[in-house]
N, C-alpha and C. Protein backbone atom coordinates (compact mmCIF):
# COMPACT_ATOMS: atom_id res chain seq x y z
N MET A 1 52.14 50.04 -68.14
CA MET A 1 51.16 49.07 -67.83
C MET A 1 51.25 48.59 -66.40
N LEU A 2 52.42 48.51 -65.96
CA LEU A 2 52.60 48.08 -64.59
C LEU A 2 51.98 49.08 -63.65
N LEU A 3 52.09 50.28 -63.98
CA LEU A 3 51.47 51.31 -63.17
C LEU A 3 49.97 51.22 -63.18
N ALA A 4 49.40 50.93 -64.29
CA ALA A 4 47.95 50.81 -64.39
C ALA A 4 47.46 49.63 -63.54
N ARG A 5 48.23 48.57 -63.56
CA ARG A 5 47.84 47.41 -62.74
C ARG A 5 47.85 47.77 -61.27
N ARG A 6 48.91 48.44 -60.83
CA ARG A 6 48.99 48.81 -59.43
C ARG A 6 47.86 49.76 -59.06
N PHE A 7 47.54 50.65 -59.95
CA PHE A 7 46.48 51.59 -59.68
C PHE A 7 45.15 50.87 -59.52
N PHE A 8 44.82 49.95 -60.43
CA PHE A 8 43.57 49.22 -60.37
C PHE A 8 43.54 48.24 -59.18
N ALA A 9 44.71 47.69 -58.86
CA ALA A 9 44.81 46.79 -57.72
C ALA A 9 44.54 47.54 -56.43
N SER A 10 44.93 48.77 -56.34
CA SER A 10 44.68 49.54 -55.12
C SER A 10 43.20 49.90 -55.00
N LEU A 11 42.52 49.98 -56.14
CA LEU A 11 41.09 50.28 -56.09
C LEU A 11 40.26 49.07 -55.63
N VAL A 12 40.72 47.89 -55.93
CA VAL A 12 40.01 46.66 -55.54
C VAL A 12 40.25 46.43 -54.05
N TRP A 13 39.18 46.01 -53.33
CA TRP A 13 39.27 45.82 -51.88
C TRP A 13 40.08 44.59 -51.58
N SER A 14 41.03 44.74 -50.69
CA SER A 14 41.77 43.58 -50.23
C SER A 14 41.66 43.57 -48.72
N PRO A 15 41.31 42.46 -48.15
CA PRO A 15 41.09 42.40 -46.70
C PRO A 15 42.40 42.57 -45.96
N SER A 16 42.29 43.28 -44.86
CA SER A 16 43.47 43.44 -44.01
C SER A 16 43.57 42.21 -43.11
N LEU A 17 44.64 42.13 -42.35
CA LEU A 17 44.89 40.99 -41.47
C LEU A 17 43.83 40.92 -40.38
N ASP A 18 43.40 42.06 -39.82
CA ASP A 18 42.35 42.09 -38.78
C ASP A 18 41.03 41.58 -39.34
N THR A 19 40.73 41.97 -40.55
CA THR A 19 39.48 41.55 -41.16
C THR A 19 39.49 40.05 -41.38
N VAL A 20 40.60 39.50 -41.80
CA VAL A 20 40.72 38.06 -42.03
C VAL A 20 40.54 37.31 -40.70
N MET A 21 41.11 37.79 -39.60
CA MET A 21 41.00 37.15 -38.29
C MET A 21 39.55 37.20 -37.81
N ASN A 22 38.88 38.33 -38.02
CA ASN A 22 37.47 38.45 -37.61
C ASN A 22 36.59 37.48 -38.38
N LEU A 23 36.84 37.33 -39.68
CA LEU A 23 36.07 36.40 -40.49
C LEU A 23 36.30 34.96 -40.03
N LYS A 24 37.54 34.61 -39.68
CA LYS A 24 37.82 33.26 -39.19
C LYS A 24 37.11 33.01 -37.86
N THR A 25 37.07 33.99 -36.97
CA THR A 25 36.41 33.85 -35.67
C THR A 25 34.90 33.66 -35.87
N ILE A 26 34.32 34.45 -36.76
CA ILE A 26 32.89 34.35 -37.03
C ILE A 26 32.57 32.98 -37.61
N HIS A 27 33.39 32.52 -38.54
CA HIS A 27 33.19 31.20 -39.15
C HIS A 27 33.33 30.10 -38.09
N SER A 28 34.30 30.24 -37.19
CA SER A 28 34.52 29.26 -36.13
C SER A 28 33.31 29.20 -35.19
N LEU A 29 32.75 30.35 -34.81
CA LEU A 29 31.58 30.38 -33.93
C LEU A 29 30.36 29.77 -34.61
N GLN A 30 30.19 30.05 -35.89
CA GLN A 30 29.06 29.49 -36.61
C GLN A 30 29.16 27.97 -36.71
N SER A 31 30.35 27.46 -36.91
CA SER A 31 30.50 26.00 -37.01
C SER A 31 30.28 25.34 -35.65
N ARG A 32 30.67 26.00 -34.55
CA ARG A 32 30.42 25.45 -33.21
C ARG A 32 28.92 25.41 -32.92
N ARG A 33 28.22 26.47 -33.26
CA ARG A 33 26.77 26.51 -33.05
C ARG A 33 26.08 25.41 -33.84
N ALA A 34 26.50 25.20 -35.07
CA ALA A 34 25.91 24.16 -35.90
C ALA A 34 26.17 22.79 -35.28
N ALA A 35 27.37 22.58 -34.76
CA ALA A 35 27.70 21.30 -34.13
C ALA A 35 26.86 21.09 -32.87
N LEU A 36 26.66 22.14 -32.07
CA LEU A 36 25.85 22.02 -30.86
C LEU A 36 24.39 21.73 -31.21
N ARG A 37 23.89 22.36 -32.26
CA ARG A 37 22.52 22.10 -32.67
C ARG A 37 22.34 20.65 -33.08
N GLN A 38 23.32 20.07 -33.70
CA GLN A 38 23.24 18.69 -34.14
C GLN A 38 23.31 17.73 -32.95
N ARG A 39 24.01 18.06 -31.87
CA ARG A 39 24.17 17.17 -30.72
C ARG A 39 23.23 17.52 -29.57
N ALA A 40 22.31 18.45 -29.72
CA ALA A 40 21.47 18.92 -28.61
C ALA A 40 20.46 17.88 -28.15
N GLY A 41 19.92 17.02 -28.99
CA GLY A 41 18.89 16.05 -28.62
C GLY A 41 19.45 14.71 -28.22
N PHE A 42 18.55 13.82 -27.73
CA PHE A 42 18.93 12.46 -27.38
C PHE A 42 18.65 11.55 -28.57
N THR A 43 19.45 10.54 -28.69
CA THR A 43 19.20 9.58 -29.76
C THR A 43 18.13 8.61 -29.31
N LEU A 44 17.55 7.89 -30.24
CA LEU A 44 16.51 6.91 -29.94
C LEU A 44 17.06 5.81 -29.04
N ILE A 45 18.27 5.41 -29.26
CA ILE A 45 18.91 4.36 -28.44
C ILE A 45 19.02 4.82 -26.99
N GLU A 46 19.43 6.05 -26.78
CA GLU A 46 19.57 6.57 -25.42
C GLU A 46 18.21 6.59 -24.70
N ILE A 47 17.18 7.02 -25.38
CA ILE A 47 15.84 7.08 -24.79
C ILE A 47 15.35 5.67 -24.46
N LEU A 48 15.52 4.73 -25.38
CA LEU A 48 15.10 3.35 -25.14
C LEU A 48 15.86 2.73 -23.97
N LEU A 49 17.13 3.03 -23.85
CA LEU A 49 17.93 2.51 -22.75
C LEU A 49 17.41 3.02 -21.41
N VAL A 50 17.07 4.28 -21.34
CA VAL A 50 16.51 4.84 -20.10
C VAL A 50 15.17 4.18 -19.78
N ILE A 51 14.33 3.97 -20.77
CA ILE A 51 13.03 3.31 -20.54
C ILE A 51 13.23 1.90 -20.03
N VAL A 52 14.17 1.16 -20.58
CA VAL A 52 14.44 -0.22 -20.13
C VAL A 52 14.92 -0.23 -18.69
N ILE A 53 15.77 0.70 -18.32
CA ILE A 53 16.27 0.78 -16.93
C ILE A 53 15.12 1.08 -15.97
N ILE A 54 14.25 2.00 -16.35
CA ILE A 54 13.09 2.34 -15.50
C ILE A 54 12.18 1.12 -15.35
N LEU A 55 11.93 0.40 -16.42
CA LEU A 55 11.08 -0.80 -16.35
C LEU A 55 11.71 -1.88 -15.46
N LEU A 56 13.02 -2.05 -15.54
CA LEU A 56 13.70 -3.03 -14.68
C LEU A 56 13.57 -2.65 -13.20
N LEU A 57 13.72 -1.37 -12.90
CA LEU A 57 13.56 -0.92 -11.51
C LEU A 57 12.12 -1.11 -11.04
N ALA A 58 11.15 -0.82 -11.88
CA ALA A 58 9.74 -1.01 -11.51
C ALA A 58 9.44 -2.49 -11.28
N GLY A 59 9.98 -3.36 -12.12
CA GLY A 59 9.79 -4.80 -11.94
C GLY A 59 10.38 -5.30 -10.63
N ALA A 60 11.56 -4.83 -10.30
CA ALA A 60 12.19 -5.22 -9.03
C ALA A 60 11.36 -4.72 -7.85
N LEU A 61 10.82 -3.53 -7.95
CA LEU A 61 9.99 -2.98 -6.89
C LEU A 61 8.75 -3.84 -6.68
N VAL A 62 8.11 -4.26 -7.75
CA VAL A 62 6.91 -5.10 -7.65
C VAL A 62 7.25 -6.44 -7.01
N VAL A 63 8.36 -7.03 -7.39
CA VAL A 63 8.76 -8.33 -6.85
C VAL A 63 8.99 -8.25 -5.34
N PHE A 64 9.53 -7.16 -4.86
CA PHE A 64 9.83 -7.05 -3.44
C PHE A 64 8.68 -6.47 -2.61
N VAL A 65 7.82 -5.65 -3.19
CA VAL A 65 6.77 -4.98 -2.43
C VAL A 65 5.51 -5.84 -2.28
N LEU A 66 5.10 -6.56 -3.31
CA LEU A 66 3.86 -7.33 -3.24
C LEU A 66 3.85 -8.36 -2.11
N PRO A 67 4.90 -9.15 -1.90
CA PRO A 67 4.87 -10.07 -0.76
C PRO A 67 4.78 -9.34 0.57
N GLN A 68 5.40 -8.18 0.68
CA GLN A 68 5.32 -7.40 1.91
C GLN A 68 3.90 -6.92 2.15
N GLN A 69 3.19 -6.56 1.09
CA GLN A 69 1.82 -6.08 1.23
C GLN A 69 0.92 -7.21 1.72
N GLU A 70 1.10 -8.41 1.19
CA GLU A 70 0.28 -9.54 1.63
C GLU A 70 0.51 -9.83 3.11
N GLY A 71 1.75 -9.79 3.55
CA GLY A 71 2.05 -10.00 4.97
C GLY A 71 1.46 -8.91 5.83
N ALA A 72 1.48 -7.68 5.34
CA ALA A 72 0.91 -6.56 6.09
C ALA A 72 -0.60 -6.70 6.22
N GLU A 73 -1.26 -7.18 5.18
CA GLU A 73 -2.71 -7.38 5.23
C GLU A 73 -3.06 -8.45 6.27
N LYS A 74 -2.28 -9.51 6.32
CA LYS A 74 -2.54 -10.56 7.31
C LYS A 74 -2.29 -10.06 8.72
N ASN A 75 -1.23 -9.28 8.92
CA ASN A 75 -0.96 -8.71 10.25
C ASN A 75 -2.05 -7.74 10.67
N THR A 76 -2.54 -6.95 9.73
CA THR A 76 -3.63 -6.02 10.02
C THR A 76 -4.88 -6.78 10.46
N THR A 77 -5.16 -7.89 9.78
CA THR A 77 -6.32 -8.70 10.14
C THR A 77 -6.15 -9.30 11.53
N ARG A 78 -4.95 -9.78 11.85
CA ARG A 78 -4.71 -10.33 13.18
C ARG A 78 -4.92 -9.27 14.27
N LEU A 79 -4.43 -8.07 14.01
CA LEU A 79 -4.61 -6.98 14.98
C LEU A 79 -6.08 -6.62 15.14
N LYS A 80 -6.82 -6.59 14.04
CA LYS A 80 -8.24 -6.26 14.12
C LYS A 80 -9.00 -7.35 14.88
N LEU A 81 -8.66 -8.63 14.65
CA LEU A 81 -9.30 -9.72 15.39
C LEU A 81 -9.02 -9.59 16.88
N SER A 82 -7.80 -9.23 17.24
CA SER A 82 -7.44 -9.04 18.64
C SER A 82 -8.23 -7.88 19.25
N GLN A 83 -8.37 -6.80 18.50
CA GLN A 83 -9.13 -5.64 18.97
C GLN A 83 -10.60 -6.01 19.20
N VAL A 84 -11.19 -6.76 18.29
CA VAL A 84 -12.59 -7.17 18.42
C VAL A 84 -12.73 -8.14 19.59
N ALA A 85 -11.75 -9.04 19.76
CA ALA A 85 -11.80 -9.99 20.89
C ALA A 85 -11.76 -9.24 22.21
N ASN A 86 -10.95 -8.20 22.32
CA ASN A 86 -10.91 -7.39 23.54
C ASN A 86 -12.26 -6.71 23.78
N ALA A 87 -12.87 -6.22 22.71
CA ALA A 87 -14.18 -5.58 22.84
C ALA A 87 -15.23 -6.61 23.27
N LEU A 88 -15.16 -7.83 22.74
CA LEU A 88 -16.09 -8.89 23.15
C LEU A 88 -15.92 -9.22 24.63
N ASP A 89 -14.68 -9.27 25.09
CA ASP A 89 -14.43 -9.55 26.51
C ASP A 89 -14.98 -8.44 27.39
N THR A 90 -14.83 -7.20 26.98
CA THR A 90 -15.37 -6.07 27.75
C THR A 90 -16.89 -6.13 27.77
N TYR A 91 -17.50 -6.47 26.64
CA TYR A 91 -18.96 -6.63 26.57
C TYR A 91 -19.41 -7.69 27.57
N ARG A 92 -18.69 -8.83 27.60
CA ARG A 92 -19.04 -9.91 28.51
C ARG A 92 -18.89 -9.47 29.96
N LEU A 93 -17.86 -8.70 30.28
CA LEU A 93 -17.67 -8.21 31.65
C LEU A 93 -18.83 -7.31 32.08
N ASN A 94 -19.34 -6.49 31.17
CA ASN A 94 -20.44 -5.58 31.49
C ASN A 94 -21.79 -6.29 31.58
N LEU A 95 -22.06 -7.19 30.64
CA LEU A 95 -23.39 -7.80 30.54
C LEU A 95 -23.46 -9.23 31.06
N GLY A 96 -22.33 -9.87 31.27
CA GLY A 96 -22.33 -11.24 31.78
C GLY A 96 -22.37 -12.31 30.72
N HIS A 97 -22.42 -11.93 29.45
CA HIS A 97 -22.40 -12.91 28.35
C HIS A 97 -21.88 -12.23 27.08
N TYR A 98 -21.47 -13.06 26.14
CA TYR A 98 -21.04 -12.53 24.84
C TYR A 98 -22.27 -12.20 24.01
N PRO A 99 -22.15 -11.28 23.05
CA PRO A 99 -23.33 -10.93 22.25
C PRO A 99 -23.85 -12.13 21.46
N THR A 100 -25.15 -12.25 21.45
CA THR A 100 -25.79 -13.35 20.70
C THR A 100 -26.21 -12.85 19.33
N GLU A 101 -26.68 -13.78 18.53
CA GLU A 101 -27.18 -13.43 17.20
C GLU A 101 -28.42 -12.53 17.31
N GLN A 102 -29.26 -12.76 18.33
CA GLN A 102 -30.46 -11.94 18.52
C GLN A 102 -30.08 -10.51 18.91
N GLU A 103 -28.94 -10.34 19.57
CA GLU A 103 -28.49 -9.00 19.96
C GLU A 103 -27.74 -8.29 18.83
N GLY A 104 -27.49 -9.00 17.76
CA GLY A 104 -26.83 -8.39 16.61
C GLY A 104 -25.42 -8.87 16.36
N GLY A 105 -24.93 -9.83 17.14
CA GLY A 105 -23.58 -10.34 16.93
C GLY A 105 -22.55 -9.25 17.18
N LEU A 106 -21.63 -9.08 16.25
CA LEU A 106 -20.58 -8.07 16.42
C LEU A 106 -21.12 -6.64 16.37
N ASP A 107 -22.29 -6.45 15.77
CA ASP A 107 -22.88 -5.11 15.72
C ASP A 107 -23.26 -4.62 17.12
N ALA A 108 -23.47 -5.56 18.07
CA ALA A 108 -23.80 -5.18 19.44
C ALA A 108 -22.63 -4.47 20.11
N LEU A 109 -21.44 -4.58 19.54
CA LEU A 109 -20.28 -3.87 20.08
C LEU A 109 -20.31 -2.39 19.70
N MET A 110 -20.98 -2.07 18.63
CA MET A 110 -20.99 -0.70 18.11
C MET A 110 -22.25 0.08 18.52
N LYS A 111 -23.40 -0.58 18.51
CA LYS A 111 -24.64 0.11 18.87
C LYS A 111 -25.42 -0.74 19.86
N LYS A 112 -26.12 -0.06 20.71
CA LYS A 112 -26.84 -0.73 21.79
C LYS A 112 -27.97 -1.60 21.23
N PRO A 113 -27.96 -2.89 21.59
CA PRO A 113 -29.03 -3.77 21.12
C PRO A 113 -30.33 -3.51 21.90
N GLN A 114 -31.41 -4.03 21.38
CA GLN A 114 -32.70 -3.96 22.08
C GLN A 114 -32.78 -5.16 23.03
N PHE A 115 -32.81 -4.87 24.31
CA PHE A 115 -32.89 -5.92 25.32
C PHE A 115 -34.32 -6.03 25.83
N GLU A 116 -34.76 -7.26 26.11
CA GLU A 116 -36.08 -7.46 26.71
C GLU A 116 -36.07 -6.98 28.15
N ASN A 117 -34.95 -7.16 28.80
CA ASN A 117 -34.80 -6.78 30.20
C ASN A 117 -34.16 -5.39 30.27
N GLU A 118 -34.82 -4.45 30.93
CA GLU A 118 -34.29 -3.09 31.02
C GLU A 118 -32.96 -3.03 31.76
N ARG A 119 -32.81 -3.89 32.75
CA ARG A 119 -31.57 -3.90 33.52
C ARG A 119 -30.37 -4.25 32.63
N MET A 120 -30.56 -5.14 31.70
CA MET A 120 -29.48 -5.48 30.77
C MET A 120 -29.11 -4.27 29.92
N GLY A 121 -30.10 -3.52 29.51
CA GLY A 121 -29.85 -2.32 28.72
C GLY A 121 -29.05 -1.29 29.49
N GLU A 122 -29.26 -1.21 30.79
CA GLU A 122 -28.51 -0.26 31.61
C GLU A 122 -27.06 -0.68 31.79
N LYS A 123 -26.78 -1.96 31.67
CA LYS A 123 -25.42 -2.47 31.85
C LYS A 123 -24.54 -2.22 30.62
N TRP A 124 -25.19 -2.03 29.48
CA TRP A 124 -24.42 -1.82 28.24
C TRP A 124 -23.67 -0.50 28.35
N GLN A 125 -22.34 -0.54 28.23
CA GLN A 125 -21.49 0.64 28.39
C GLN A 125 -20.77 1.01 27.08
N GLY A 126 -21.31 0.63 25.96
CA GLY A 126 -20.63 0.79 24.68
C GLY A 126 -20.69 2.20 24.15
N PRO A 127 -20.21 2.42 22.97
CA PRO A 127 -19.67 1.40 22.07
C PRO A 127 -18.33 0.86 22.55
N TYR A 128 -18.10 -0.39 22.26
CA TYR A 128 -16.90 -1.07 22.72
C TYR A 128 -15.75 -0.97 21.71
N LEU A 129 -16.06 -0.52 20.54
CA LEU A 129 -15.05 -0.26 19.51
C LEU A 129 -15.13 1.23 19.15
N LYS A 130 -14.03 1.77 18.65
CA LYS A 130 -14.03 3.18 18.26
C LYS A 130 -15.07 3.42 17.18
N PRO A 131 -15.77 4.54 17.27
CA PRO A 131 -16.75 4.85 16.21
C PRO A 131 -16.06 4.89 14.84
N GLY A 132 -16.73 4.31 13.87
CA GLY A 132 -16.17 4.26 12.52
C GLY A 132 -15.34 3.03 12.25
N THR A 133 -15.14 2.17 13.27
CA THR A 133 -14.38 0.94 13.06
C THR A 133 -15.18 0.02 12.15
N LEU A 134 -14.55 -0.43 11.08
CA LEU A 134 -15.21 -1.35 10.15
C LEU A 134 -14.92 -2.77 10.59
N LEU A 135 -15.92 -3.60 10.54
CA LEU A 135 -15.77 -4.99 10.96
C LEU A 135 -15.53 -5.89 9.74
N ASP A 136 -14.59 -5.45 8.91
CA ASP A 136 -14.21 -6.26 7.76
C ASP A 136 -12.69 -6.35 7.68
N ASP A 137 -12.22 -7.29 6.87
CA ASP A 137 -10.79 -7.49 6.71
C ASP A 137 -10.28 -6.67 5.52
N PRO A 138 -8.97 -6.65 5.29
CA PRO A 138 -8.43 -5.84 4.17
C PRO A 138 -8.91 -6.29 2.79
N TRP A 139 -9.48 -7.47 2.69
CA TRP A 139 -9.97 -7.97 1.40
C TRP A 139 -11.44 -7.68 1.20
N GLY A 140 -12.06 -6.96 2.16
CA GLY A 140 -13.45 -6.55 2.01
C GLY A 140 -14.47 -7.56 2.51
N HIS A 141 -14.05 -8.60 3.21
CA HIS A 141 -14.98 -9.60 3.75
C HIS A 141 -15.26 -9.29 5.22
N LEU A 142 -16.51 -9.46 5.63
CA LEU A 142 -16.87 -9.23 7.03
C LEU A 142 -16.19 -10.26 7.93
N LEU A 143 -15.81 -9.82 9.13
CA LEU A 143 -15.26 -10.74 10.12
C LEU A 143 -16.38 -11.68 10.56
N LYS A 144 -16.05 -12.93 10.81
CA LYS A 144 -17.04 -13.93 11.21
C LYS A 144 -16.98 -14.13 12.72
N TYR A 145 -18.14 -14.16 13.34
CA TYR A 145 -18.27 -14.36 14.78
C TYR A 145 -19.38 -15.38 15.01
N GLU A 146 -19.04 -16.46 15.70
CA GLU A 146 -20.03 -17.50 15.99
C GLU A 146 -19.87 -17.94 17.44
N LEU A 147 -20.98 -17.98 18.16
CA LEU A 147 -20.95 -18.53 19.51
C LEU A 147 -20.86 -20.04 19.40
N VAL A 148 -20.10 -20.66 20.30
CA VAL A 148 -19.88 -22.10 20.25
C VAL A 148 -20.47 -22.72 21.51
N ASP A 149 -21.23 -23.79 21.31
CA ASP A 149 -21.73 -24.56 22.44
C ASP A 149 -20.64 -25.56 22.79
N ARG A 150 -19.89 -25.26 23.84
CA ARG A 150 -18.73 -26.09 24.20
C ARG A 150 -19.11 -27.54 24.49
N ALA A 151 -20.26 -27.77 25.10
CA ALA A 151 -20.67 -29.14 25.43
C ALA A 151 -20.95 -29.93 24.16
N ALA A 152 -21.63 -29.29 23.20
CA ALA A 152 -21.98 -29.99 21.96
C ALA A 152 -20.76 -30.17 21.06
N GLU A 153 -19.85 -29.21 21.05
CA GLU A 153 -18.68 -29.26 20.17
C GLU A 153 -17.56 -30.12 20.75
N GLY A 154 -17.60 -30.40 22.05
CA GLY A 154 -16.51 -31.16 22.66
C GLY A 154 -15.24 -30.33 22.71
N GLU A 155 -15.37 -29.01 22.89
CA GLU A 155 -14.22 -28.11 22.91
C GLU A 155 -13.36 -28.35 24.15
N LYS A 156 -12.11 -27.93 24.07
CA LYS A 156 -11.21 -27.99 25.22
C LYS A 156 -11.74 -27.08 26.32
N LYS A 157 -11.49 -27.48 27.55
CA LYS A 157 -11.86 -26.61 28.66
C LYS A 157 -10.96 -25.40 28.63
N GLY A 158 -11.50 -24.26 28.93
CA GLY A 158 -10.71 -23.03 28.94
C GLY A 158 -10.65 -22.35 27.58
N GLY A 159 -11.18 -22.98 26.56
CA GLY A 159 -11.21 -22.35 25.24
C GLY A 159 -12.26 -21.26 25.18
N LEU A 160 -12.18 -20.43 24.18
CA LEU A 160 -13.16 -19.35 24.03
C LEU A 160 -14.52 -19.92 23.67
N PRO A 161 -15.58 -19.30 24.16
CA PRO A 161 -16.92 -19.77 23.81
C PRO A 161 -17.42 -19.22 22.47
N TYR A 162 -16.52 -18.72 21.68
CA TYR A 162 -16.89 -18.20 20.37
C TYR A 162 -15.75 -18.44 19.39
N LYS A 163 -16.09 -18.36 18.11
CA LYS A 163 -15.10 -18.41 17.03
C LYS A 163 -15.08 -17.02 16.40
N LEU A 164 -13.90 -16.48 16.25
CA LEU A 164 -13.74 -15.17 15.63
C LEU A 164 -12.66 -15.33 14.57
N PHE A 165 -13.01 -15.08 13.30
CA PHE A 165 -12.04 -15.31 12.23
C PHE A 165 -12.37 -14.48 11.00
N SER A 166 -11.36 -14.42 10.11
CA SER A 166 -11.51 -13.82 8.79
C SER A 166 -11.41 -14.94 7.77
N VAL A 167 -12.17 -14.84 6.71
CA VAL A 167 -12.12 -15.88 5.68
C VAL A 167 -10.89 -15.75 4.78
N GLY A 168 -10.11 -14.71 4.96
CA GLY A 168 -8.85 -14.55 4.22
C GLY A 168 -9.05 -14.02 2.81
N PRO A 169 -7.95 -14.00 2.05
CA PRO A 169 -8.00 -13.40 0.71
C PRO A 169 -8.95 -14.09 -0.27
N ASP A 170 -9.14 -15.41 -0.13
CA ASP A 170 -9.99 -16.11 -1.10
C ASP A 170 -11.48 -15.96 -0.81
N GLY A 171 -11.84 -15.49 0.39
CA GLY A 171 -13.24 -15.27 0.73
C GLY A 171 -14.02 -16.54 1.04
N GLN A 172 -13.35 -17.69 1.09
CA GLN A 172 -14.01 -18.96 1.35
C GLN A 172 -13.71 -19.42 2.78
N PRO A 173 -14.73 -19.79 3.56
CA PRO A 173 -14.47 -20.26 4.92
C PRO A 173 -13.86 -21.66 4.91
N ASP A 174 -13.20 -21.98 6.01
CA ASP A 174 -12.59 -23.30 6.22
C ASP A 174 -11.56 -23.67 5.16
N THR A 175 -10.73 -22.71 4.78
CA THR A 175 -9.60 -22.98 3.89
C THR A 175 -8.31 -22.63 4.63
N ASP A 176 -7.18 -22.94 4.02
CA ASP A 176 -5.89 -22.73 4.68
C ASP A 176 -5.56 -21.26 4.91
N ASP A 177 -6.14 -20.37 4.13
CA ASP A 177 -5.78 -18.96 4.29
C ASP A 177 -6.65 -18.22 5.31
N ASP A 178 -7.56 -18.91 5.99
CA ASP A 178 -8.36 -18.28 7.03
C ASP A 178 -7.45 -17.80 8.16
N ILE A 179 -7.80 -16.66 8.74
CA ILE A 179 -7.02 -16.10 9.86
C ILE A 179 -7.94 -16.13 11.08
N LYS A 180 -7.53 -16.89 12.10
CA LYS A 180 -8.39 -17.11 13.26
C LYS A 180 -7.79 -16.49 14.50
N HIS A 181 -8.69 -16.03 15.38
CA HIS A 181 -8.26 -15.56 16.69
C HIS A 181 -8.27 -16.76 17.61
N ALA A 182 -7.17 -16.99 18.31
CA ALA A 182 -7.06 -18.16 19.18
C ALA A 182 -7.03 -17.73 20.63
N ALA A 183 -7.57 -18.58 21.51
CA ALA A 183 -7.52 -18.32 22.95
C ALA A 183 -6.10 -18.53 23.45
N ASP A 184 -5.75 -17.90 24.57
CA ASP A 184 -4.40 -18.03 25.12
C ASP A 184 -4.03 -19.48 25.37
N SER A 185 -4.98 -20.31 25.81
CA SER A 185 -4.66 -21.70 26.10
C SER A 185 -4.51 -22.52 24.83
N ASP A 186 -5.06 -22.04 23.70
CA ASP A 186 -4.97 -22.77 22.44
C ASP A 186 -3.77 -22.37 21.60
N LYS A 187 -3.06 -21.33 22.01
CA LYS A 187 -1.97 -20.80 21.17
C LYS A 187 -0.82 -21.78 21.09
N GLU A 188 -0.26 -21.83 19.92
CA GLU A 188 0.97 -22.58 19.73
C GLU A 188 2.11 -21.61 19.99
N PRO A 189 3.28 -22.10 20.44
CA PRO A 189 4.39 -21.19 20.72
C PRO A 189 4.80 -20.35 19.51
N SER A 190 4.67 -20.87 18.31
CA SER A 190 5.10 -20.12 17.13
C SER A 190 3.98 -19.25 16.57
N ALA A 191 2.78 -19.33 17.11
CA ALA A 191 1.65 -18.61 16.54
C ALA A 191 1.73 -17.12 16.84
N GLY A 192 2.31 -16.72 17.96
CA GLY A 192 2.44 -15.28 18.26
C GLY A 192 1.12 -14.61 18.52
N GLY A 193 0.13 -15.29 19.09
CA GLY A 193 -1.11 -14.63 19.47
C GLY A 193 -2.29 -15.04 18.63
N THR A 194 -2.13 -15.12 17.31
CA THR A 194 -3.22 -15.54 16.44
C THR A 194 -2.65 -16.46 15.39
N GLN A 195 -3.51 -17.21 14.81
CA GLN A 195 -3.06 -18.16 13.78
C GLN A 195 -3.42 -17.66 12.42
């Protein structure tokens, strides 16, 4: 009987040591792949944390950039007022007076007005502003230009014979946010050219 057992035992497959090692390696690789598949994605907490960080950075950017933009808009308006004032001065040097309402006001700086006197028309050397220059402020409001009667207004001597200003962000004249072009004699030391 013992012989029969050995004979039948030899017929039954028994794995060799190499086969056992190969099976363990295959099983080990399969378990690693399964573990990697389970850890391949991000958890909901991780995604939410990244979104919160991005929102905090965006909020900080808005807090620091918006005040800078408002200051830049005001500086741009001051520069444009200065540019228009220089063009008005050049117009006056050529024609002997600042543009009147009948001549088109600030539009007389861009296109030649209709003069009753032909000689005045010959003196016009414009355009006094670069073509395509818009006569509005960053908030979309037209720049205001008004000739001033110095005798009637009781203005200081040496002041400009006109008012040149922007109505500012609120669009309402004669409010605190108006940006005005000031004459050299009217400037305050801290004004830096315009108020």
